[in-house]
Amino acid sequence: MPQNRKKLIELFIGNLSNAIIHEILIEAIKDKSKEIASYYQKEIENAVKISKKYREKINPINKPLSNKDLSYLKTKILNKVKTELKIRISKGYKNIDLTLADELMNKMLKDIGII
């Protein structure tokens, strides 16, 4: 089970990071392209839905994660989000605000029931 749990945590991190990245990208293109924003919104909804399923498999909903697990999740998610956004900035994406990552991460973790 521990190996399976580790894999589930990594999948959870990947999906939640994807949702946060797309949320930041929506902020970056706010009024410029509704078509792209709607695509990003679908990506967010899908990633959050999958993250919730992984969350339920990692730890029962009514039991909180340990502080060690929570700290690990936050660190990995922030690193993954910031790395991906820096790659996108280097590709020419404009108006990306890296400072939103921490705030959005906490909001999504709360929505999913981690915090």
PDB file of N, CA and C in Angstrom:
ATOM      1  N   MET A   1       0.804  -1.212   0.000  1.00  0.00           N
ATOM      2  CA  MET A   1       0.000   0.000   0.000  1.00  0.00           C
ATOM      3  C   MET A   1       0.849   1.279   0.000  1.00  0.00           C
ATOM      4  N   PRO A   2       1.974   1.352   0.736  1.00  0.00           N
ATOM      5  CA  PRO A   2       2.750   2.592   0.727  1.00  0.00           C
ATOM      6  C   PRO A   2       3.217   3.002  -0.666  1.00  0.00           C
ATOM      7  N   GLN A   3       3.608   2.030  -1.500  1.00  0.00           N
ATOM      8  CA  GLN A   3       4.039   2.378  -2.852  1.00  0.00           C
ATOM      9  C   GLN A   3       2.870   2.950  -3.641  1.00  0.00           C
ATOM     10  N   ASN A   4       1.716   2.354  -3.480  1.00  0.00           N
ATOM     11  CA  ASN A   4       0.525   2.818  -4.159  1.00  0.00           C
ATOM     12  C   ASN A   4       0.161   4.225  -3.678  1.00  0.00           C
ATOM     13  N   ARG A   5       0.278   4.460  -2.387  1.00  0.00           N
ATOM     14  CA  ARG A   5      -0.029   5.768  -1.813  1.00  0.00           C
ATOM     15  C   ARG A   5       0.900   6.838  -2.378  1.00  0.00           C
ATOM     16  N   LYS A   6       2.162   6.495  -2.495  1.00  0.00           N
ATOM     17  CA  LYS A   6       3.147   7.433  -3.033  1.00  0.00           C
ATOM     18  C   LYS A   6       2.786   7.835  -4.465  1.00  0.00           C
ATOM     19  N   LYS A   7       2.396   6.859  -5.254  1.00  0.00           N
ATOM     20  CA  LYS A   7       2.009   7.124  -6.641  1.00  0.00           C
ATOM     21  C   LYS A   7       0.745   7.990  -6.685  1.00  0.00           C
ATOM     22  N   LEU A   8      -0.213   7.686  -5.822  1.00  0.00           N
ATOM     23  CA  LEU A   8      -1.446   8.477  -5.768  1.00  0.00           C
ATOM     24  C   LEU A   8      -1.150   9.931  -5.397  1.00  0.00           C
ATOM     25  N   ILE A   9      -0.235  10.126  -4.463  1.00  0.00           N
ATOM     26  CA  ILE A   9       0.138  11.485  -4.059  1.00  0.00           C
ATOM     27  C   ILE A   9       0.768  12.224  -5.230  1.00  0.00           C
ATOM     28  N   GLU A  10       1.644  11.565  -5.972  1.00  0.00           N
ATOM     29  CA  GLU A  10       2.276  12.207  -7.134  1.00  0.00           C
ATOM     30  C   GLU A  10       1.244  12.555  -8.206  1.00  0.00           C
ATOM     31  N   LEU A  11       0.284  11.665  -8.434  1.00  0.00           N
ATOM     32  CA  LEU A  11      -0.781  11.939  -9.405  1.00  0.00           C
ATOM     33  C   LEU A  11      -1.662  13.095  -8.933  1.00  0.00           C
ATOM     34  N   PHE A  12      -1.937  13.123  -7.629  1.00  0.00           N
ATOM     35  CA  PHE A  12      -2.717  14.215  -7.043  1.00  0.00           C
ATOM     36  C   PHE A  12      -1.994  15.545  -7.248  1.00  0.00           C
ATOM     37  N   ILE A  13      -0.700  15.563  -6.959  1.00  0.00           N
ATOM     38  CA  ILE A  13       0.111  16.775  -7.120  1.00  0.00           C
ATOM     39  C   ILE A  13       0.089  17.239  -8.575  1.00  0.00           C
ATOM     40  N   GLY A  14       0.249  16.318  -9.493  1.00  0.00           N
ATOM     41  CA  GLY A  14       0.253  16.664 -10.911  1.00  0.00           C
ATOM     42  C   GLY A  14      -1.053  17.285 -11.369  1.00  0.00           C
ATOM     43  N   ASN A  15      -2.174  16.700 -10.965  1.00  0.00           N
ATOM     44  CA  ASN A  15      -3.473  17.218 -11.384  1.00  0.00           C
ATOM     45  C   ASN A  15      -3.797  18.556 -10.732  1.00  0.00           C
ATOM     46  N   LEU A  16      -3.507  18.684  -9.443  1.00  0.00           N
ATOM     47  CA  LEU A  16      -3.793  19.953  -8.780  1.00  0.00           C
ATOM     48  C   LEU A  16      -2.884  21.057  -9.322  1.00  0.00           C
ATOM     49  N   SER A  17      -1.640  20.732  -9.602  1.00  0.00           N
ATOM     50  CA  SER A  17      -0.721  21.709 -10.194  1.00  0.00           C
ATOM     51  C   SER A  17      -1.238  22.177 -11.546  1.00  0.00           C
ATOM     52  N   ASN A  18      -1.738  21.254 -12.331  1.00  0.00           N
ATOM     53  CA  ASN A  18      -2.299  21.578 -13.639  1.00  0.00           C
ATOM     54  C   ASN A  18      -3.473  22.554 -13.497  1.00  0.00           C
ATOM     55  N   ALA A  19      -4.324  22.316 -12.518  1.00  0.00           N
ATOM     56  CA  ALA A  19      -5.465  23.205 -12.291  1.00  0.00           C
ATOM     57  C   ALA A  19      -4.989  24.608 -11.906  1.00  0.00           C
ATOM     58  N   ILE A  20      -4.001  24.691 -11.042  1.00  0.00           N
ATOM     59  CA  ILE A  20      -3.480  25.990 -10.603  1.00  0.00           C
ATOM     60  C   ILE A  20      -2.825  26.724 -11.771  1.00  0.00           C
ATOM     61  N   ILE A  21      -2.062  26.012 -12.568  1.00  0.00           N
ATOM     62  CA  ILE A  21      -1.411  26.617 -13.737  1.00  0.00           C
ATOM     63  C   ILE A  21      -2.454  27.215 -14.671  1.00  0.00           C
ATOM     64  N   HIS A  22      -3.499  26.463 -14.958  1.00  0.00           N
ATOM     65  CA  HIS A  22      -4.529  26.957 -15.870  1.00  0.00           C
ATOM     66  C   HIS A  22      -5.309  28.130 -15.269  1.00  0.00           C
ATOM     67  N   GLU A  23      -5.489  28.120 -13.968  1.00  0.00           N
ATOM     68  CA  GLU A  23      -6.154  29.251 -13.307  1.00  0.00           C
ATOM     69  C   GLU A  23      -5.315  30.522 -13.474  1.00  0.00           C
ATOM     70  N   ILE A  24      -4.016  30.405 -13.313  1.00  0.00           N
ATOM     71  CA  ILE A  24      -3.117  31.553 -13.486  1.00  0.00           C
ATOM     72  C   ILE A  24      -3.101  32.001 -14.942  1.00  0.00           C
ATOM     73  N   LEU A  25      -3.132  31.048 -15.865  1.00  0.00           N
ATOM     74  CA  LEU A  25      -3.161  31.399 -17.289  1.00  0.00           C
ATOM     75  C   LEU A  25      -4.453  32.130 -17.660  1.00  0.00           C
ATOM     76  N   ILE A  26      -5.555  31.758 -17.032  1.00  0.00           N
ATOM     77  CA  ILE A  26      -6.816  32.481 -17.272  1.00  0.00           C
ATOM     78  C   ILE A  26      -6.665  33.929 -16.829  1.00  0.00           C
ATOM     79  N   GLU A  27      -6.046  34.133 -15.679  1.00  0.00           N
ATOM     80  CA  GLU A  27      -5.818  35.500 -15.191  1.00  0.00           C
ATOM     81  C   GLU A  27      -4.934  36.279 -16.162  1.00  0.00           C
ATOM     82  N   ALA A  28      -3.984  35.597 -16.766  1.00  0.00           N
ATOM     83  CA  ALA A  28      -3.043  36.260 -17.673  1.00  0.00           C
ATOM     84  C   ALA A  28      -3.707  36.718 -18.969  1.00  0.00           C
ATOM     85  N   ILE A  29      -4.727  35.992 -19.413  1.00  0.00           N
ATOM     86  CA  ILE A  29      -5.363  36.338 -20.694  1.00  0.00           C
ATOM     87  C   ILE A  29      -6.758  36.926 -20.511  1.00  0.00           C
ATOM     88  N   LYS A  30      -7.113  37.252 -19.295  1.00  0.00           N
ATOM     89  CA  LYS A  30      -8.454  37.700 -18.905  1.00  0.00           C
ATOM     90  C   LYS A  30      -9.370  38.138 -20.043  1.00  0.00           C
ATOM     91  N   ASP A  31      -9.140  39.287 -20.604  1.00  0.00           N
ATOM     92  CA  ASP A  31     -10.075  39.855 -21.573  1.00  0.00           C
ATOM     93  C   ASP A  31      -9.661  39.620 -23.020  1.00  0.00           C
ATOM     94  N   LYS A  32      -8.602  38.900 -23.232  1.00  0.00           N
ATOM     95  CA  LYS A  32      -8.060  38.780 -24.585  1.00  0.00           C
ATOM     96  C   LYS A  32      -8.694  37.663 -25.402  1.00  0.00           C
ATOM     97  N   SER A  33      -8.922  36.525 -24.803  1.00  0.00           N
ATOM     98  CA  SER A  33      -9.430  35.393 -25.578  1.00  0.00           C
ATOM     99  C   SER A  33     -10.380  34.541 -24.745  1.00  0.00           C
ATOM    100  N   LYS A  34     -11.657  34.707 -24.989  1.00  0.00           N
ATOM    101  CA  LYS A  34     -12.654  33.919 -24.265  1.00  0.00           C
ATOM    102  C   LYS A  34     -12.603  32.451 -24.683  1.00  0.00           C
ATOM    103  N   GLU A  35     -12.220  32.210 -25.914  1.00  0.00           N
ATOM    104  CA  GLU A  35     -12.128  30.840 -26.426  1.00  0.00           C
ATOM    105  C   GLU A  35     -11.058  30.050 -25.668  1.00  0.00           C
ATOM    106  N   ILE A  36      -9.896  30.651 -25.521  1.00  0.00           N
ATOM    107  CA  ILE A  36      -8.809  29.987 -24.796  1.00  0.00           C
ATOM    108  C   ILE A  36      -9.165  29.872 -23.317  1.00  0.00           C
ATOM    109  N   ALA A  37      -9.783  30.909 -22.771  1.00  0.00           N
ATOM    110  CA  ALA A  37     -10.177  30.887 -21.363  1.00  0.00           C
ATOM    111  C   ALA A  37     -11.164  29.753 -21.089  1.00  0.00           C
ATOM    112  N   SER A  38     -12.087  29.516 -22.008  1.00  0.00           N
ATOM    113  CA  SER A  38     -13.056  28.431 -21.799  1.00  0.00           C
ATOM    114  C   SER A  38     -12.354  27.068 -21.854  1.00  0.00           C
ATOM    115  N   TYR A  39     -11.354  26.941 -22.709  1.00  0.00           N
ATOM    116  CA  TYR A  39     -10.563  25.709 -22.764  1.00  0.00           C
ATOM    117  C   TYR A  39      -9.825  25.509 -21.435  1.00  0.00           C
ATOM    118  N   TYR A  40      -9.195  26.570 -20.941  1.00  0.00           N
ATOM    119  CA  TYR A  40      -8.485  26.490 -19.667  1.00  0.00           C
ATOM    120  C   TYR A  40      -9.448  26.136 -18.536  1.00  0.00           C
ATOM    121  N   GLN A  41     -10.655  26.694 -18.570  1.00  0.00           N
ATOM    122  CA  GLN A  41     -11.644  26.421 -17.532  1.00  0.00           C
ATOM    123  C   GLN A  41     -12.022  24.937 -17.528  1.00  0.00           C
ATOM    124  N   LYS A  42     -12.180  24.355 -18.698  1.00  0.00           N
ATOM    125  CA  LYS A  42     -12.479  22.916 -18.788  1.00  0.00           C
ATOM    126  C   LYS A  42     -11.327  22.094 -18.221  1.00  0.00           C
ATOM    127  N   GLU A  43     -10.109  22.520 -18.504  1.00  0.00           N
ATOM    128  CA  GLU A  43      -8.930  21.834 -17.962  1.00  0.00           C
ATOM    129  C   GLU A  43      -8.934  21.888 -16.433  1.00  0.00           C
ATOM    130  N   ILE A  44      -9.278  23.048 -15.888  1.00  0.00           N
ATOM    131  CA  ILE A  44      -9.328  23.215 -14.431  1.00  0.00           C
ATOM    132  C   ILE A  44     -10.359  22.274 -13.833  1.00  0.00           C
ATOM    133  N   GLU A  45     -11.564  22.287 -14.390  1.00  0.00           N
ATOM    134  CA  GLU A  45     -12.642  21.444 -13.864  1.00  0.00           C
ATOM    135  C   GLU A  45     -12.258  19.969 -13.899  1.00  0.00           C
ATOM    136  N   ASN A  46     -11.671  19.537 -14.987  1.00  0.00           N
ATOM    137  CA  ASN A  46     -11.259  18.141 -15.125  1.00  0.00           C
ATOM    138  C   ASN A  46     -10.157  17.793 -14.120  1.00  0.00           C
ATOM    139  N   ALA A  47      -9.163  18.648 -13.995  1.00  0.00           N
ATOM    140  CA  ALA A  47      -8.041  18.383 -13.084  1.00  0.00           C
ATOM    141  C   ALA A  47      -8.501  18.358 -11.628  1.00  0.00           C
ATOM    142  N   VAL A  48      -9.405  19.264 -11.258  1.00  0.00           N
ATOM    143  CA  VAL A  48      -9.907  19.303  -9.883  1.00  0.00           C
ATOM    144  C   VAL A  48     -10.737  18.048  -9.597  1.00  0.00           C
ATOM    145  N   LYS A  49     -11.550  17.649 -10.544  1.00  0.00           N
ATOM    146  CA  LYS A  49     -12.375  16.445 -10.387  1.00  0.00           C
ATOM    147  C   LYS A  49     -11.490  15.217 -10.160  1.00  0.00           C
ATOM    148  N   ILE A  50     -10.455  15.084 -10.950  1.00  0.00           N
ATOM    149  CA  ILE A  50      -9.532  13.950 -10.812  1.00  0.00           C
ATOM    150  C   ILE A  50      -8.766  14.050  -9.489  1.00  0.00           C
ATOM    151  N   SER A  51      -8.365  15.265  -9.113  1.00  0.00           N
ATOM    152  CA  SER A  51      -7.644  15.470  -7.849  1.00  0.00           C
ATOM    153  C   SER A  51      -8.490  15.025  -6.664  1.00  0.00           C
ATOM    154  N   LYS A  52      -9.783  15.327  -6.716  1.00  0.00           N
ATOM    155  CA  LYS A  52     -10.678  14.923  -5.621  1.00  0.00           C
ATOM    156  C   LYS A  52     -10.734  13.408  -5.499  1.00  0.00           C
ATOM    157  N   LYS A  53     -10.745  12.712  -6.616  1.00  0.00           N
ATOM    158  CA  LYS A  53     -10.766  11.244  -6.576  1.00  0.00           C
ATOM    159  C   LYS A  53      -9.484  10.703  -5.955  1.00  0.00           C
ATOM    160  N   TYR A  54      -8.344  11.283  -6.336  1.00  0.00           N
ATOM    161  CA  TYR A  54      -7.079  10.848  -5.749  1.00  0.00           C
ATOM    162  C   TYR A  54      -7.034  11.180  -4.264  1.00  0.00           C
ATOM    163  N   ARG A  55      -7.576  12.309  -3.891  1.00  0.00           N
ATOM    164  CA  ARG A  55      -7.604  12.721  -2.484  1.00  0.00           C
ATOM    165  C   ARG A  55      -8.345  11.678  -1.649  1.00  0.00           C
ATOM    166  N   GLU A  56      -9.463  11.205  -2.162  1.00  0.00           N
ATOM    167  CA  GLU A  56     -10.249  10.206  -1.440  1.00  0.00           C
ATOM    168  C   GLU A  56      -9.486   8.887  -1.300  1.00  0.00           C
ATOM    169  N   LYS A  57      -8.662   8.560  -2.266  1.00  0.00           N
ATOM    170  CA  LYS A  57      -7.900   7.314  -2.214  1.00  0.00           C
ATOM    171  C   LYS A  57      -6.672   7.424  -1.315  1.00  0.00           C
ATOM    172  N   ILE A  58      -6.119   8.623  -1.200  1.00  0.00           N
ATOM    173  CA  ILE A  58      -4.915   8.828  -0.386  1.00  0.00           C
ATOM    174  C   ILE A  58      -5.239   8.711   1.094  1.00  0.00           C
ATOM    175  N   ASN A  59      -6.299   9.373   1.510  1.00  0.00           N
ATOM    176  CA  ASN A  59      -6.650   9.456   2.915  1.00  0.00           C
ATOM    177  C   ASN A  59      -8.156   9.660   3.007  1.00  0.00           C
ATOM    178  N   PRO A  60      -8.828   8.992   3.952  1.00  0.00           N
ATOM    179  CA  PRO A  60     -10.274   9.217   4.063  1.00  0.00           C
ATOM    180  C   PRO A  60     -10.595  10.704   4.252  1.00  0.00           C
ATOM    181  N   ILE A  61     -11.698  11.128   3.665  1.00  0.00           N
ATOM    182  CA  ILE A  61     -12.075  12.545   3.681  1.00  0.00           C
ATOM    183  C   ILE A  61     -12.179  13.093   5.098  1.00  0.00           C
ATOM    184  N   ASN A  62     -12.729  12.310   6.019  1.00  0.00           N
ATOM    185  CA  ASN A  62     -12.947  12.817   7.376  1.00  0.00           C
ATOM    186  C   ASN A  62     -11.681  12.827   8.229  1.00  0.00           C
ATOM    187  N   LYS A  63     -10.581  12.309   7.703  1.00  0.00           N
ATOM    188  CA  LYS A  63      -9.308  12.338   8.430  1.00  0.00           C
ATOM    189  C   LYS A  63      -8.363  13.318   7.750  1.00  0.00           C
ATOM    190  N   PRO A  64      -7.809  14.254   8.511  1.00  0.00           N
ATOM    191  CA  PRO A  64      -6.864  15.208   7.897  1.00  0.00           C
ATOM    192  C   PRO A  64      -5.526  14.535   7.590  1.00  0.00           C
ATOM    193  N   LEU A  65      -4.825  15.097   6.630  1.00  0.00           N
ATOM    194  CA  LEU A  65      -3.477  14.613   6.327  1.00  0.00           C
ATOM    195  C   LEU A  65      -2.530  15.063   7.428  1.00  0.00           C
ATOM    196  N   SER A  66      -1.460  14.325   7.615  1.00  0.00           N
ATOM    197  CA  SER A  66      -0.470  14.720   8.611  1.00  0.00           C
ATOM    198  C   SER A  66       0.214  16.013   8.163  1.00  0.00           C
ATOM    199  N   ASN A  67       0.792  16.730   9.116  1.00  0.00           N
ATOM    200  CA  ASN A  67       1.502  17.974   8.789  1.00  0.00           C
ATOM    201  C   ASN A  67       2.664  17.707   7.837  1.00  0.00           C
ATOM    202  N   LYS A  68       3.292  16.553   7.993  1.00  0.00           N
ATOM    203  CA  LYS A  68       4.407  16.179   7.117  1.00  0.00           C
ATOM    204  C   LYS A  68       3.915  16.034   5.676  1.00  0.00           C
ATOM    205  N   ASP A  69       2.801  15.323   5.497  1.00  0.00           N
ATOM    206  CA  ASP A  69       2.229  15.147   4.155  1.00  0.00           C
ATOM    207  C   ASP A  69       1.783  16.479   3.570  1.00  0.00           C
ATOM    208  N   LEU A  70       1.154  17.300   4.388  1.00  0.00           N
ATOM    209  CA  LEU A  70       0.662  18.600   3.929  1.00  0.00           C
ATOM    210  C   LEU A  70       1.821  19.491   3.484  1.00  0.00           C
ATOM    211  N   SER A  71       2.875  19.506   4.267  1.00  0.00           N
ATOM    212  CA  SER A  71       4.056  20.298   3.923  1.00  0.00           C
ATOM    213  C   SER A  71       4.678  19.801   2.618  1.00  0.00           C
ATOM    214  N   TYR A  72       4.767  18.491   2.475  1.00  0.00           N
ATOM    215  CA  TYR A  72       5.310  17.885   1.253  1.00  0.00           C
ATOM    216  C   TYR A  72       4.465  18.272   0.042  1.00  0.00           C
ATOM    217  N   LEU A  73       3.146  18.152   0.179  1.00  0.00           N
ATOM    218  CA  LEU A  73       2.238  18.500  -0.918  1.00  0.00           C
ATOM    219  C   LEU A  73       2.409  19.950  -1.346  1.00  0.00           C
ATOM    220  N   LYS A  74       2.406  20.844  -0.376  1.00  0.00           N
ATOM    221  CA  LYS A  74       2.514  22.273  -0.693  1.00  0.00           C
ATOM    222  C   LYS A  74       3.822  22.588  -1.417  1.00  0.00           C
ATOM    223  N   THR A  75       4.912  22.038  -0.911  1.00  0.00           N
ATOM    224  CA  THR A  75       6.218  22.290  -1.522  1.00  0.00           C
ATOM    225  C   THR A  75       6.270  21.778  -2.955  1.00  0.00           C
ATOM    226  N   LYS A  76       5.838  20.542  -3.155  1.00  0.00           N
ATOM    227  CA  LYS A  76       5.878  19.941  -4.491  1.00  0.00           C
ATOM    228  C   LYS A  76       4.957  20.673  -5.467  1.00  0.00           C
ATOM    229  N   ILE A  77       3.766  21.035  -5.013  1.00  0.00           N
ATOM    230  CA  ILE A  77       2.816  21.730  -5.892  1.00  0.00           C
ATOM    231  C   ILE A  77       3.380  23.079  -6.310  1.00  0.00           C
ATOM    232  N   LEU A  78       3.868  23.854  -5.343  1.00  0.00           N
ATOM    233  CA  LEU A  78       4.418  25.175  -5.670  1.00  0.00           C
ATOM    234  C   LEU A  78       5.598  25.071  -6.628  1.00  0.00           C
ATOM    235  N   ASN A  79       6.490  24.129  -6.369  1.00  0.00           N
ATOM    236  CA  ASN A  79       7.648  23.958  -7.259  1.00  0.00           C
ATOM    237  C   ASN A  79       7.212  23.599  -8.674  1.00  0.00           C
ATOM    238  N   LYS A  80       6.266  22.683  -8.773  1.00  0.00           N
ATOM    239  CA  LYS A  80       5.794  22.238 -10.086  1.00  0.00           C
ATOM    240  C   LYS A  80       5.110  23.379 -10.842  1.00  0.00           C
ATOM    241  N   VAL A  81       4.265  24.134 -10.141  1.00  0.00           N
ATOM    242  CA  VAL A  81       3.540  25.250 -10.765  1.00  0.00           C
ATOM    243  C   VAL A  81       4.519  26.320 -11.236  1.00  0.00           C
ATOM    244  N   LYS A  82       5.415  26.723 -10.364  1.00  0.00           N
ATOM    245  CA  LYS A  82       6.350  27.794 -10.725  1.00  0.00           C
ATOM    246  C   LYS A  82       7.287  27.371 -11.853  1.00  0.00           C
ATOM    247  N   THR A  83       7.725  26.128 -11.844  1.00  0.00           N
ATOM    248  CA  THR A  83       8.593  25.637 -12.916  1.00  0.00           C
ATOM    249  C   THR A  83       7.871  25.685 -14.256  1.00  0.00           C
ATOM    250  N   GLU A  84       6.647  25.185 -14.290  1.00  0.00           N
ATOM    251  CA  GLU A  84       5.878  25.173 -15.541  1.00  0.00           C
ATOM    252  C   GLU A  84       5.586  26.592 -16.023  1.00  0.00           C
ATOM    253  N   LEU A  85       5.242  27.481 -15.106  1.00  0.00           N
ATOM    254  CA  LEU A  85       4.947  28.859 -15.509  1.00  0.00           C
ATOM    255  C   LEU A  85       6.201  29.566 -16.026  1.00  0.00           C
ATOM    256  N   LYS A  86       7.350  29.281 -15.429  1.00  0.00           N
ATOM    257  CA  LYS A  86       8.599  29.873 -15.925  1.00  0.00           C
ATOM    258  C   LYS A  86       8.911  29.371 -17.331  1.00  0.00           C
ATOM    259  N   ILE A  87       8.616  28.113 -17.591  1.00  0.00           N
ATOM    260  CA  ILE A  87       8.797  27.569 -18.945  1.00  0.00           C
ATOM    261  C   ILE A  87       7.887  28.306 -19.917  1.00  0.00           C
ATOM    262  N   ARG A  88       6.653  28.521 -19.507  1.00  0.00           N
ATOM    263  CA  ARG A  88       5.704  29.217 -20.386  1.00  0.00           C
ATOM    264  C   ARG A  88       6.119  30.668 -20.610  1.00  0.00           C
ATOM    265  N   ILE A  89       6.650  31.310 -19.584  1.00  0.00           N
ATOM    266  CA  ILE A  89       7.136  32.689 -19.735  1.00  0.00           C
ATOM    267  C   ILE A  89       8.287  32.711 -20.740  1.00  0.00           C
ATOM    268  N   SER A  90       9.180  31.726 -20.645  1.00  0.00           N
ATOM    269  CA  SER A  90      10.308  31.675 -21.586  1.00  0.00           C
ATOM    270  C   SER A  90       9.848  31.407 -23.018  1.00  0.00           C
ATOM    271  N   LYS A  91       8.663  30.818 -23.178  1.00  0.00           N
ATOM    272  CA  LYS A  91       8.100  30.570 -24.512  1.00  0.00           C
ATOM    273  C   LYS A  91       7.368  31.792 -25.060  1.00  0.00           C
ATOM    274  N   GLY A  92       7.261  32.837 -24.235  1.00  0.00           N
ATOM    275  CA  GLY A  92       6.653  34.065 -24.725  1.00  0.00           C
ATOM    276  C   GLY A  92       5.297  34.403 -24.136  1.00  0.00           C
ATOM    277  N   TYR A  93       4.811  33.618 -23.199  1.00  0.00           N
ATOM    278  CA  TYR A  93       3.537  33.946 -22.558  1.00  0.00           C
ATOM    279  C   TYR A  93       3.703  35.250 -21.782  1.00  0.00           C
ATOM    280  N   LYS A  94       2.687  36.087 -21.805  1.00  0.00           N
ATOM    281  CA  LYS A  94       2.741  37.402 -21.150  1.00  0.00           C
ATOM    282  C   LYS A  94       1.777  37.468 -19.967  1.00  0.00           C
ATOM    283  N   ASN A  95       2.018  38.415 -19.077  1.00  0.00           N
ATOM    284  CA  ASN A  95       1.141  38.745 -17.944  1.00  0.00           C
ATOM    285  C   ASN A  95       0.951  37.604 -16.948  1.00  0.00           C
ATOM    286  N   ILE A  96       1.893  36.697 -16.844  1.00  0.00           N
ATOM    287  CA  ILE A  96       1.780  35.597 -15.888  1.00  0.00           C
ATOM    288  C   ILE A  96       2.299  36.075 -14.536  1.00  0.00           C
ATOM    289  N   ASP A  97       1.449  35.953 -13.519  1.00  0.00           N
ATOM    290  CA  ASP A  97       1.774  36.414 -12.173  1.00  0.00           C
ATOM    291  C   ASP A  97       2.099  35.206 -11.292  1.00  0.00           C
ATOM    292  N   LEU A  98       3.373  34.993 -11.029  1.00  0.00           N
ATOM    293  CA  LEU A  98       3.807  33.849 -10.226  1.00  0.00           C
ATOM    294  C   LEU A  98       3.367  33.952  -8.768  1.00  0.00           C
ATOM    295  N   THR A  99       3.075  35.168  -8.317  1.00  0.00           N
ATOM    296  CA  THR A  99       2.682  35.349  -6.922  1.00  0.00           C
ATOM    297  C   THR A  99       1.296  34.777  -6.634  1.00  0.00           C
ATOM    298  N   LEU A 100       0.513  34.516  -7.660  1.00  0.00           N
ATOM    299  CA  LEU A 100      -0.821  33.935  -7.466  1.00  0.00           C
ATOM    300  C   LEU A 100      -0.757  32.461  -7.075  1.00  0.00           C
ATOM    301  N   ALA A 101       0.351  31.812  -7.334  1.00  0.00           N
ATOM    302  CA  ALA A 101       0.465  30.364  -7.124  1.00  0.00           C
ATOM    303  C   ALA A 101       0.152  29.952  -5.690  1.00  0.00           C
ATOM    304  N   ASP A 102       0.737  30.623  -4.718  1.00  0.00           N
ATOM    305  CA  ASP A 102       0.543  30.253  -3.313  1.00  0.00           C
ATOM    306  C   ASP A 102      -0.913  30.433  -2.892  1.00  0.00           C
ATOM    307  N   GLU A 103      -1.485  31.559  -3.251  1.00  0.00           N
ATOM    308  CA  GLU A 103      -2.873  31.860  -2.899  1.00  0.00           C
ATOM    309  C   GLU A 103      -3.839  30.846  -3.528  1.00  0.00           C
ATOM    310  N   LEU A 104      -3.663  30.569  -4.811  1.00  0.00           N
ATOM    311  CA  LEU A 104      -4.538  29.619  -5.500  1.00  0.00           C
ATOM    312  C   LEU A 104      -4.352  28.199  -4.975  1.00  0.00           C
ATOM    313  N   MET A 105      -3.119  27.842  -4.633  1.00  0.00           N
ATOM    314  CA  MET A 105      -2.861  26.517  -4.087  1.00  0.00           C
ATOM    315  C   MET A 105      -3.631  26.323  -2.784  1.00  0.00           C
ATOM    316  N   ASN A 106      -3.533  27.303  -1.880  1.00  0.00           N
ATOM    317  CA  ASN A 106      -4.243  27.198  -0.607  1.00  0.00           C
ATOM    318  C   ASN A 106      -5.752  27.132  -0.810  1.00  0.00           C
ATOM    319  N   LYS A 107      -6.258  27.923  -1.747  1.00  0.00           N
ATOM    320  CA  LYS A 107      -7.697  27.922  -2.042  1.00  0.00           C
ATOM    321  C   LYS A 107      -8.141  26.552  -2.550  1.00  0.00           C
ATOM    322  N   MET A 108      -7.398  25.987  -3.486  1.00  0.00           N
ATOM    323  CA  MET A 108      -7.777  24.687  -4.051  1.00  0.00           C
ATOM    324  C   MET A 108      -7.612  23.555  -3.039  1.00  0.00           C
ATOM    325  N   LEU A 109      -6.568  23.617  -2.224  1.00  0.00           N
ATOM    326  CA  LEU A 109      -6.399  22.598  -1.187  1.00  0.00           C
ATOM    327  C   LEU A 109      -7.559  22.651  -0.194  1.00  0.00           C
ATOM    328  N   LYS A 110      -8.022  23.840   0.105  1.00  0.00           N
ATOM    329  CA  LYS A 110      -9.166  24.001   1.005  1.00  0.00           C
ATOM    330  C   LYS A 110     -10.435  23.452   0.351  1.00  0.00           C
ATOM    331  N   ASP A 111     -10.638  23.757  -0.926  1.00  0.00           N
ATOM    332  CA  ASP A 111     -11.824  23.281  -1.645  1.00  0.00           C
ATOM    333  C   ASP A 111     -11.871  21.751  -1.721  1.00  0.00           C
ATOM    334  N   ILE A 112     -10.718  21.147  -1.866  1.00  0.00           N
ATOM    335  CA  ILE A 112     -10.650  19.690  -1.987  1.00  0.00           C
ATOM    336  C   ILE A 112     -10.739  19.005  -0.623  1.00  0.00           C
ATOM    337  N   GLY A 113     -10.467  19.737   0.441  1.00  0.00           N
ATOM    338  CA  GLY A 113     -10.579  19.175   1.776  1.00  0.00           C
ATOM    339  C   GLY A 113      -9.263  18.742   2.381  1.00  0.00           C
ATOM    340  N   ILE A 114      -8.171  19.240   1.852  1.00  0.00           N
ATOM    341  CA  ILE A 114      -6.854  18.914   2.397  1.00  0.00           C
ATOM    342  C   ILE A 114      -6.563  19.787   3.616  1.00  0.00           C
ATOM    343  N   ILE A 115      -6.906  21.062   3.507  1.00  0.00           N
ATOM    344  CA  ILE A 115      -6.650  21.999   4.617  1.00  0.00           C
ATOM    345  C   ILE A 115      -7.928  22.174   5.405  1.00  0.00           C
TER     346      ILE A 115
END
